[in-house]
């Protein structure tokens, strides 16, 4: 299967060949890799990647952010979208309201924004704690915070709407 994905603003061609349960071969812009994984919980994966005779083990956490995924690989954040979808949105759907939600049950550690605040793409919005690990959810695009629906210390469930952001058109 062939996919076009945008990761942190850069377009990639991804070719995926499933080899069996939890095993596949991936080609990303010509780089060949073999990937095996173990799903620990909703949105949490341990993956082994073999490339050029080297094996790396990664801890991956993915959280859906509207039409995109905020993917944390060993603590580094990446925003992943379908390239065609992100281009469609960029062509004139300003003012779309979107939400920030956790992918697993968590506790709100800190809120970095307030209602009415302008935010930039990638700006930290909320910090969650789950399984002795903190995760910072960032704004998927520039816009304005329309609602903050939680407080520090609140226990939240997967998919619960924590923060609502209205996307602004780029000047």
N, C-alpha and C. Protein backbone atom coordinates (compact mmCIF):
# COMPACT_ATOMS: atom_id res chain seq x y z
N UNK A 1 0.84 -1.17 0.00
CA UNK A 1 0.00 0.00 0.00
C UNK A 1 0.89 1.24 0.00
N UNK A 2 0.44 2.26 -0.69
CA UNK A 2 1.21 3.48 -0.83
C UNK A 2 0.46 4.64 -0.19
N UNK A 3 1.19 5.46 0.61
CA UNK A 3 0.58 6.58 1.31
C UNK A 3 1.42 7.83 1.09
N UNK A 4 0.77 8.98 1.11
CA UNK A 4 1.46 10.26 1.16
C UNK A 4 1.15 10.84 2.52
N UNK A 5 2.19 11.16 3.27
CA UNK A 5 2.01 11.71 4.61
C UNK A 5 2.84 12.97 4.77
N UNK A 6 2.34 13.89 5.58
CA UNK A 6 3.07 15.09 5.93
C UNK A 6 3.47 14.96 7.39
N UNK A 7 4.76 15.05 7.66
CA UNK A 7 5.27 14.94 9.03
C UNK A 7 6.02 16.23 9.32
N UNK A 8 5.51 16.96 10.32
CA UNK A 8 6.09 18.26 10.69
C UNK A 8 6.30 19.16 9.47
N UNK A 9 5.33 19.16 8.56
CA UNK A 9 5.36 20.06 7.41
C UNK A 9 6.10 19.53 6.19
N UNK A 10 6.74 18.36 6.28
CA UNK A 10 7.47 17.80 5.14
C UNK A 10 6.71 16.60 4.59
N UNK A 11 6.56 16.54 3.25
CA UNK A 11 5.84 15.45 2.61
C UNK A 11 6.73 14.23 2.42
N UNK A 12 6.16 13.03 2.66
CA UNK A 12 6.87 11.77 2.49
C UNK A 12 5.98 10.79 1.73
N UNK A 13 6.62 9.96 0.88
CA UNK A 13 5.94 8.85 0.24
C UNK A 13 6.29 7.60 1.05
N UNK A 14 5.26 6.89 1.53
CA UNK A 14 5.44 5.71 2.36
C UNK A 14 4.83 4.51 1.65
N UNK A 15 5.64 3.47 1.45
CA UNK A 15 5.16 2.22 0.85
C UNK A 15 5.22 1.15 1.94
N UNK A 16 4.10 0.48 2.18
CA UNK A 16 3.99 -0.49 3.26
C UNK A 16 3.62 -1.85 2.71
N UNK A 17 4.38 -2.87 3.11
CA UNK A 17 4.08 -4.26 2.75
C UNK A 17 3.96 -5.06 4.03
N UNK A 18 2.77 -5.57 4.32
CA UNK A 18 2.58 -6.37 5.52
C UNK A 18 3.22 -7.74 5.32
N UNK A 19 4.00 -8.16 6.31
CA UNK A 19 4.69 -9.44 6.26
C UNK A 19 4.02 -10.47 7.18
N UNK A 20 3.16 -10.04 8.03
CA UNK A 20 2.50 -10.90 8.99
C UNK A 20 1.98 -10.06 10.14
N UNK A 21 1.48 -10.72 11.17
CA UNK A 21 0.94 -9.99 12.32
C UNK A 21 2.06 -9.22 13.01
N UNK A 22 1.89 -7.92 13.14
CA UNK A 22 2.84 -7.03 13.81
C UNK A 22 4.22 -7.02 13.16
N UNK A 23 4.28 -7.24 11.85
CA UNK A 23 5.54 -7.21 11.12
C UNK A 23 5.28 -6.67 9.71
N UNK A 24 6.10 -5.70 9.27
CA UNK A 24 5.94 -5.17 7.93
C UNK A 24 7.27 -4.63 7.40
N UNK A 25 7.32 -4.43 6.11
CA UNK A 25 8.44 -3.76 5.46
C UNK A 25 7.92 -2.39 5.05
N UNK A 26 8.74 -1.38 5.32
CA UNK A 26 8.35 -0.01 5.00
C UNK A 26 9.45 0.64 4.18
N UNK A 27 9.02 1.39 3.18
CA UNK A 27 9.95 2.20 2.40
C UNK A 27 9.48 3.64 2.55
N UNK A 28 10.35 4.51 3.08
CA UNK A 28 10.03 5.91 3.27
C UNK A 28 11.01 6.72 2.43
N UNK A 29 10.49 7.35 1.38
CA UNK A 29 11.34 8.11 0.46
C UNK A 29 12.59 7.33 0.06
N UNK A 30 12.43 6.04 -0.25
CA UNK A 30 13.53 5.21 -0.73
C UNK A 30 14.30 4.45 0.35
N UNK A 31 14.13 4.81 1.62
CA UNK A 31 14.80 4.10 2.72
C UNK A 31 14.01 2.86 3.08
N UNK A 32 14.66 1.69 3.08
CA UNK A 32 14.01 0.41 3.39
C UNK A 32 14.16 0.08 4.86
N UNK A 33 13.08 -0.35 5.51
CA UNK A 33 13.10 -0.75 6.91
C UNK A 33 12.18 -1.95 7.12
N UNK A 34 12.53 -2.77 8.10
CA UNK A 34 11.63 -3.82 8.56
C UNK A 34 11.21 -3.44 9.97
N UNK A 35 9.91 -3.46 10.22
CA UNK A 35 9.38 -2.99 11.50
C UNK A 35 8.52 -4.08 12.13
N UNK A 36 8.81 -4.35 13.41
CA UNK A 36 7.94 -5.22 14.20
C UNK A 36 7.51 -4.40 15.41
N UNK A 37 6.33 -4.69 15.95
CA UNK A 37 5.83 -3.88 17.06
C UNK A 37 4.96 -4.69 17.99
N UNK A 38 4.80 -4.13 19.18
CA UNK A 38 3.95 -4.69 20.21
C UNK A 38 3.12 -3.55 20.77
N UNK A 39 1.80 -3.66 20.66
CA UNK A 39 0.91 -2.62 21.19
C UNK A 39 0.69 -2.90 22.67
N UNK A 40 1.08 -1.94 23.52
CA UNK A 40 0.98 -2.08 24.97
C UNK A 40 -0.39 -1.63 25.46
N UNK A 41 -0.91 -0.58 24.88
CA UNK A 41 -2.21 -0.03 25.25
C UNK A 41 -2.67 0.87 24.13
N UNK A 42 -3.86 1.44 24.28
CA UNK A 42 -4.38 2.30 23.22
C UNK A 42 -3.41 3.46 22.98
N UNK A 43 -2.84 3.50 21.79
CA UNK A 43 -1.95 4.59 21.42
C UNK A 43 -0.51 4.43 21.88
N UNK A 44 -0.15 3.33 22.58
CA UNK A 44 1.21 3.13 23.06
C UNK A 44 1.80 1.87 22.43
N UNK A 45 2.93 2.03 21.75
CA UNK A 45 3.53 0.94 20.99
C UNK A 45 5.04 0.90 21.25
N UNK A 46 5.59 -0.30 21.37
CA UNK A 46 7.03 -0.50 21.35
C UNK A 46 7.36 -1.08 19.99
N UNK A 47 8.28 -0.47 19.27
CA UNK A 47 8.61 -0.91 17.91
C UNK A 47 10.10 -1.20 17.79
N UNK A 48 10.42 -2.22 17.00
CA UNK A 48 11.81 -2.50 16.63
C UNK A 48 11.94 -2.24 15.15
N UNK A 49 12.92 -1.43 14.79
CA UNK A 49 13.13 -1.07 13.40
C UNK A 49 14.51 -1.55 12.98
N UNK A 50 14.54 -2.34 11.90
CA UNK A 50 15.80 -2.81 11.36
C UNK A 50 16.05 -2.11 10.03
N UNK A 51 17.22 -1.46 9.97
CA UNK A 51 17.60 -0.73 8.76
C UNK A 51 19.11 -0.83 8.60
N UNK A 52 19.55 -1.26 7.43
CA UNK A 52 20.99 -1.39 7.13
C UNK A 52 21.73 -2.22 8.18
N UNK A 53 21.11 -3.29 8.65
CA UNK A 53 21.76 -4.19 9.61
C UNK A 53 21.73 -3.70 11.05
N UNK A 54 21.18 -2.53 11.30
CA UNK A 54 21.08 -1.98 12.66
C UNK A 54 19.65 -2.10 13.16
N UNK A 55 19.51 -2.39 14.46
CA UNK A 55 18.19 -2.49 15.07
C UNK A 55 18.03 -1.40 16.13
N UNK A 56 16.92 -0.68 16.05
CA UNK A 56 16.59 0.34 17.05
C UNK A 56 15.27 -0.04 17.69
N UNK A 57 15.14 0.20 19.00
CA UNK A 57 13.88 -0.01 19.70
C UNK A 57 13.35 1.37 20.09
N UNK A 58 12.07 1.61 19.78
CA UNK A 58 11.46 2.91 20.04
C UNK A 58 10.18 2.75 20.84
N UNK A 59 9.91 3.72 21.69
CA UNK A 59 8.64 3.81 22.40
C UNK A 59 7.84 4.88 21.68
N UNK A 60 6.66 4.49 21.19
CA UNK A 60 5.85 5.40 20.37
C UNK A 60 4.49 5.59 21.03
N UNK A 61 4.08 6.83 21.17
CA UNK A 61 2.76 7.16 21.71
C UNK A 61 2.07 8.06 20.69
N UNK A 62 0.86 7.71 20.29
CA UNK A 62 0.13 8.51 19.29
C UNK A 62 -1.18 8.99 19.88
N UNK A 63 -1.48 10.26 19.65
CA UNK A 63 -2.73 10.84 20.12
C UNK A 63 -3.39 11.57 18.95
N UNK A 64 -4.65 11.25 18.68
CA UNK A 64 -5.37 11.89 17.57
C UNK A 64 -5.68 13.33 17.95
N UNK A 65 -5.37 14.24 17.03
CA UNK A 65 -5.62 15.66 17.20
C UNK A 65 -6.42 16.13 16.00
N UNK A 66 -7.73 15.95 16.04
CA UNK A 66 -8.56 16.31 14.89
C UNK A 66 -8.26 15.37 13.74
N UNK A 67 -7.81 15.90 12.60
CA UNK A 67 -7.49 15.08 11.43
C UNK A 67 -6.04 14.61 11.43
N UNK A 68 -5.26 15.09 12.40
CA UNK A 68 -3.84 14.73 12.47
C UNK A 68 -3.59 13.81 13.67
N UNK A 69 -2.40 13.27 13.72
CA UNK A 69 -1.94 12.52 14.89
C UNK A 69 -0.73 13.22 15.45
N UNK A 70 -0.69 13.40 16.74
CA UNK A 70 0.50 13.89 17.42
C UNK A 70 1.21 12.61 17.84
N UNK A 71 2.38 12.35 17.28
CA UNK A 71 3.11 11.12 17.54
C UNK A 71 4.38 11.47 18.31
N UNK A 72 4.57 10.80 19.45
CA UNK A 72 5.75 11.01 20.27
C UNK A 72 6.64 9.78 20.13
N UNK A 73 7.83 9.96 19.58
CA UNK A 73 8.77 8.86 19.39
C UNK A 73 9.95 9.11 20.33
N UNK A 74 10.05 8.27 21.35
CA UNK A 74 11.07 8.45 22.39
C UNK A 74 11.06 9.88 22.91
N UNK A 75 9.87 10.43 23.11
CA UNK A 75 9.71 11.76 23.70
C UNK A 75 9.72 12.92 22.73
N UNK A 76 10.10 12.71 21.46
CA UNK A 76 10.11 13.79 20.48
C UNK A 76 8.78 13.82 19.74
N UNK A 77 8.17 14.99 19.66
CA UNK A 77 6.85 15.13 19.06
C UNK A 77 6.93 15.30 17.54
N UNK A 78 6.00 14.66 16.84
CA UNK A 78 5.84 14.80 15.40
C UNK A 78 4.34 14.92 15.12
N UNK A 79 3.97 15.79 14.20
CA UNK A 79 2.58 15.88 13.76
C UNK A 79 2.49 15.18 12.42
N UNK A 80 1.59 14.18 12.32
CA UNK A 80 1.45 13.38 11.10
C UNK A 80 0.05 13.57 10.54
N UNK A 81 -0.03 13.93 9.25
CA UNK A 81 -1.32 14.09 8.58
C UNK A 81 -1.26 13.41 7.23
N UNK A 82 -2.44 13.13 6.70
CA UNK A 82 -2.55 12.66 5.33
C UNK A 82 -2.26 13.87 4.45
N UNK A 83 -1.29 13.78 3.56
CA UNK A 83 -0.87 14.91 2.75
C UNK A 83 -2.04 15.53 1.99
N UNK A 84 -2.86 14.71 1.35
CA UNK A 84 -3.99 15.23 0.57
C UNK A 84 -4.98 15.94 1.48
N UNK A 85 -5.24 15.37 2.65
CA UNK A 85 -6.17 15.97 3.59
C UNK A 85 -5.66 17.31 4.08
N UNK A 86 -4.38 17.39 4.42
CA UNK A 86 -3.83 18.64 4.93
C UNK A 86 -3.83 19.72 3.86
N UNK A 87 -3.59 19.34 2.61
CA UNK A 87 -3.63 20.33 1.53
C UNK A 87 -5.05 20.82 1.32
N UNK A 88 -6.05 19.91 1.40
CA UNK A 88 -7.44 20.32 1.25
C UNK A 88 -7.80 21.34 2.31
N UNK A 89 -7.41 21.09 3.55
CA UNK A 89 -7.74 22.01 4.63
C UNK A 89 -7.05 23.36 4.43
N UNK A 90 -5.83 23.35 3.91
CA UNK A 90 -5.09 24.59 3.74
C UNK A 90 -5.72 25.47 2.67
N UNK A 91 -6.55 24.89 1.81
CA UNK A 91 -7.15 25.64 0.72
C UNK A 91 -8.48 26.23 1.15
N UNK A 92 -8.53 27.00 2.20
CA UNK A 92 -9.73 27.78 2.43
C UNK A 92 -10.74 27.26 3.42
N UNK A 93 -10.36 26.51 4.41
CA UNK A 93 -11.32 26.15 5.45
C UNK A 93 -10.89 26.80 6.76
N UNK A 94 -10.67 28.08 6.73
CA UNK A 94 -10.31 28.80 7.94
C UNK A 94 -11.48 28.78 8.91
N UNK A 95 -11.20 28.91 10.19
CA UNK A 95 -12.26 28.97 11.18
C UNK A 95 -12.77 27.60 11.57
N UNK A 96 -12.12 26.50 11.14
CA UNK A 96 -12.55 25.17 11.56
C UNK A 96 -12.20 25.01 13.03
N UNK A 97 -13.17 24.59 13.83
CA UNK A 97 -12.90 24.38 15.24
C UNK A 97 -12.44 22.95 15.43
N UNK A 98 -11.43 22.77 16.25
CA UNK A 98 -10.90 21.44 16.48
C UNK A 98 -10.65 21.25 17.97
N UNK A 99 -10.39 20.01 18.34
CA UNK A 99 -10.25 19.69 19.75
C UNK A 99 -8.95 18.95 20.02
N UNK A 100 -8.50 19.04 21.25
CA UNK A 100 -7.35 18.29 21.72
C UNK A 100 -7.86 17.27 22.72
N UNK A 101 -7.56 16.00 22.47
CA UNK A 101 -8.06 14.91 23.29
C UNK A 101 -6.92 13.94 23.62
N UNK A 102 -6.98 13.25 24.76
CA UNK A 102 -5.96 12.24 25.07
C UNK A 102 -6.31 10.91 24.41
N UNK A 103 -5.29 10.11 24.11
CA UNK A 103 -5.56 8.81 23.52
C UNK A 103 -5.71 7.73 24.59
N UNK A 104 -5.30 8.03 25.83
CA UNK A 104 -5.44 7.07 26.93
C UNK A 104 -5.91 7.83 28.17
N UNK A 105 -6.52 7.15 29.15
CA UNK A 105 -6.89 7.82 30.39
C UNK A 105 -5.65 8.45 31.03
N UNK A 106 -5.79 9.67 31.51
CA UNK A 106 -4.65 10.44 32.03
C UNK A 106 -5.11 11.36 33.15
N UNK A 107 -4.14 12.03 33.74
CA UNK A 107 -4.40 13.09 34.71
C UNK A 107 -3.82 14.37 34.15
N UNK A 108 -4.57 15.47 34.25
CA UNK A 108 -4.09 16.76 33.76
C UNK A 108 -3.04 17.27 34.75
N UNK A 109 -1.81 17.45 34.27
CA UNK A 109 -0.72 17.97 35.11
C UNK A 109 -0.67 19.48 35.08
N UNK A 110 -0.77 20.04 33.86
CA UNK A 110 -0.63 21.49 33.71
C UNK A 110 -1.34 21.93 32.44
N UNK A 111 -1.93 23.11 32.49
CA UNK A 111 -2.57 23.71 31.32
C UNK A 111 -1.76 24.95 30.96
N UNK A 112 -1.30 25.02 29.71
CA UNK A 112 -0.40 26.09 29.29
C UNK A 112 -1.11 27.21 28.54
N UNK A 113 -2.44 27.12 28.38
CA UNK A 113 -3.19 28.13 27.64
C UNK A 113 -4.46 28.50 28.40
N UNK A 114 -5.10 29.56 27.96
CA UNK A 114 -6.40 29.93 28.54
C UNK A 114 -7.33 30.38 27.42
N UNK A 115 -8.61 30.37 27.71
CA UNK A 115 -9.61 30.75 26.72
C UNK A 115 -9.30 32.14 26.17
N UNK A 116 -9.40 32.26 24.83
CA UNK A 116 -9.15 33.53 24.16
C UNK A 116 -7.70 33.75 23.75
N UNK A 117 -6.80 32.90 24.24
CA UNK A 117 -5.38 33.05 23.93
C UNK A 117 -5.10 32.62 22.50
N UNK A 118 -4.24 33.36 21.82
CA UNK A 118 -3.76 32.97 20.49
C UNK A 118 -2.65 31.96 20.68
N UNK A 119 -2.63 30.90 19.84
CA UNK A 119 -1.58 29.88 19.91
C UNK A 119 -0.98 29.69 18.53
N UNK A 120 0.27 29.29 18.51
CA UNK A 120 0.98 28.98 17.27
C UNK A 120 1.06 27.47 17.11
N UNK A 121 1.13 27.00 15.89
CA UNK A 121 1.28 25.58 15.61
C UNK A 121 2.50 25.05 16.38
N UNK A 122 2.30 23.93 17.08
CA UNK A 122 3.38 23.29 17.83
C UNK A 122 3.56 23.82 19.24
N UNK A 123 2.82 24.87 19.61
CA UNK A 123 2.92 25.43 20.95
C UNK A 123 2.30 24.48 21.96
N UNK A 124 2.97 24.23 23.10
CA UNK A 124 2.38 23.36 24.14
C UNK A 124 1.03 23.92 24.61
N UNK A 125 0.06 23.03 24.76
CA UNK A 125 -1.29 23.42 25.18
C UNK A 125 -1.61 22.83 26.55
N UNK A 126 -1.32 21.54 26.72
CA UNK A 126 -1.68 20.86 27.96
C UNK A 126 -0.68 19.73 28.21
N UNK A 127 -0.39 19.49 29.49
CA UNK A 127 0.52 18.40 29.87
C UNK A 127 -0.30 17.37 30.63
N UNK A 128 -0.20 16.11 30.17
CA UNK A 128 -0.93 15.00 30.79
C UNK A 128 0.06 14.03 31.41
N UNK A 129 -0.40 13.33 32.42
CA UNK A 129 0.41 12.32 33.07
C UNK A 129 -0.34 11.00 33.04
N UNK A 130 0.36 9.94 32.58
CA UNK A 130 -0.22 8.60 32.54
C UNK A 130 0.91 7.59 32.60
N UNK A 131 0.74 6.55 33.36
CA UNK A 131 1.73 5.48 33.46
C UNK A 131 3.12 6.03 33.78
N UNK A 132 3.20 6.95 34.75
CA UNK A 132 4.46 7.56 35.20
C UNK A 132 5.21 8.29 34.08
N UNK A 133 4.47 8.75 33.09
CA UNK A 133 5.07 9.44 31.96
C UNK A 133 4.26 10.70 31.66
N UNK A 134 4.95 11.81 31.44
CA UNK A 134 4.26 13.04 31.06
C UNK A 134 4.28 13.21 29.56
N UNK A 135 3.17 13.67 29.02
CA UNK A 135 3.04 13.90 27.58
C UNK A 135 2.50 15.31 27.38
N UNK A 136 3.16 16.09 26.54
CA UNK A 136 2.71 17.43 26.22
C UNK A 136 1.95 17.38 24.90
N UNK A 137 0.70 17.82 24.91
CA UNK A 137 -0.08 17.91 23.68
C UNK A 137 0.04 19.34 23.18
N UNK A 138 0.35 19.48 21.89
CA UNK A 138 0.62 20.79 21.29
C UNK A 138 -0.47 21.18 20.31
N UNK A 139 -0.54 22.46 20.03
CA UNK A 139 -1.51 22.97 19.05
C UNK A 139 -1.19 22.41 17.68
N UNK A 140 -2.17 21.79 17.00
CA UNK A 140 -1.91 21.22 15.68
C UNK A 140 -1.79 22.28 14.59
N UNK A 141 -2.18 23.52 14.91
CA UNK A 141 -2.10 24.63 13.97
C UNK A 141 -2.25 25.92 14.75
N UNK A 142 -2.01 27.05 14.10
CA UNK A 142 -2.18 28.35 14.74
C UNK A 142 -3.67 28.65 14.84
N UNK A 143 -4.06 29.31 15.92
CA UNK A 143 -5.46 29.65 16.09
C UNK A 143 -5.71 30.30 17.43
N UNK A 144 -6.97 30.20 17.88
CA UNK A 144 -7.38 30.80 19.14
C UNK A 144 -8.06 29.73 20.00
N UNK A 145 -7.71 29.72 21.27
CA UNK A 145 -8.32 28.77 22.22
C UNK A 145 -9.75 29.22 22.48
N UNK A 146 -10.70 28.36 22.12
CA UNK A 146 -12.12 28.67 22.31
C UNK A 146 -12.65 28.16 23.64
N UNK A 147 -12.05 27.08 24.18
CA UNK A 147 -12.50 26.54 25.46
C UNK A 147 -11.42 25.67 26.07
N UNK A 148 -11.31 25.74 27.39
CA UNK A 148 -10.48 24.82 28.17
C UNK A 148 -11.46 24.12 29.10
N UNK A 149 -11.65 22.83 28.89
CA UNK A 149 -12.73 22.09 29.57
C UNK A 149 -12.28 21.30 30.80
N UNK A 150 -11.03 21.48 31.22
CA UNK A 150 -10.49 20.73 32.36
C UNK A 150 -9.65 21.63 33.23
N UNK A 151 -9.26 21.10 34.40
CA UNK A 151 -8.39 21.82 35.34
C UNK A 151 -7.25 20.89 35.75
N UNK A 152 -6.13 21.46 36.22
CA UNK A 152 -5.05 20.60 36.71
C UNK A 152 -5.56 19.66 37.80
N UNK A 153 -5.13 18.40 37.73
CA UNK A 153 -5.56 17.39 38.69
C UNK A 153 -6.75 16.56 38.22
N UNK A 154 -7.47 17.04 37.19
CA UNK A 154 -8.62 16.28 36.69
C UNK A 154 -8.16 14.97 36.06
N UNK A 155 -8.90 13.90 36.32
CA UNK A 155 -8.68 12.63 35.63
C UNK A 155 -9.56 12.67 34.39
N UNK A 156 -8.96 12.35 33.24
CA UNK A 156 -9.68 12.43 31.97
C UNK A 156 -9.62 11.08 31.27
N UNK A 157 -10.61 10.84 30.44
CA UNK A 157 -10.67 9.56 29.72
C UNK A 157 -10.24 9.75 28.27
N UNK A 158 -9.89 8.65 27.62
CA UNK A 158 -9.48 8.69 26.23
C UNK A 158 -10.59 9.31 25.38
N UNK A 159 -10.22 10.26 24.53
CA UNK A 159 -11.17 10.89 23.64
C UNK A 159 -11.92 12.06 24.23
N UNK A 160 -11.77 12.32 25.53
CA UNK A 160 -12.46 13.44 26.17
C UNK A 160 -11.90 14.75 25.62
N UNK A 161 -12.79 15.70 25.34
CA UNK A 161 -12.36 16.98 24.78
C UNK A 161 -11.79 17.84 25.91
N UNK A 162 -10.49 18.13 25.81
CA UNK A 162 -9.80 18.90 26.83
C UNK A 162 -9.74 20.38 26.49
N UNK A 163 -9.35 20.66 25.25
CA UNK A 163 -9.18 22.04 24.78
C UNK A 163 -9.74 22.14 23.36
N UNK A 164 -10.40 23.25 23.07
CA UNK A 164 -10.92 23.49 21.72
C UNK A 164 -10.18 24.68 21.13
N UNK A 165 -9.70 24.50 19.90
CA UNK A 165 -8.94 25.56 19.22
C UNK A 165 -9.59 25.82 17.86
N UNK A 166 -9.82 27.09 17.58
CA UNK A 166 -10.35 27.47 16.27
C UNK A 166 -9.17 27.86 15.39
N UNK A 167 -9.04 27.21 14.24
CA UNK A 167 -7.95 27.45 13.31
C UNK A 167 -8.11 28.81 12.66
N UNK A 168 -7.00 29.53 12.56
CA UNK A 168 -6.99 30.82 11.87
C UNK A 168 -6.28 30.69 10.54
N UNK A 169 -6.74 31.45 9.58
CA UNK A 169 -6.12 31.48 8.25
C UNK A 169 -4.77 32.18 8.37
N UNK A 170 -3.76 31.67 7.66
CA UNK A 170 -2.44 32.34 7.66
C UNK A 170 -2.57 33.66 6.93
N UNK A 171 -1.89 34.72 7.46
CA UNK A 171 -1.97 36.03 6.79
C UNK A 171 -1.30 36.03 5.45
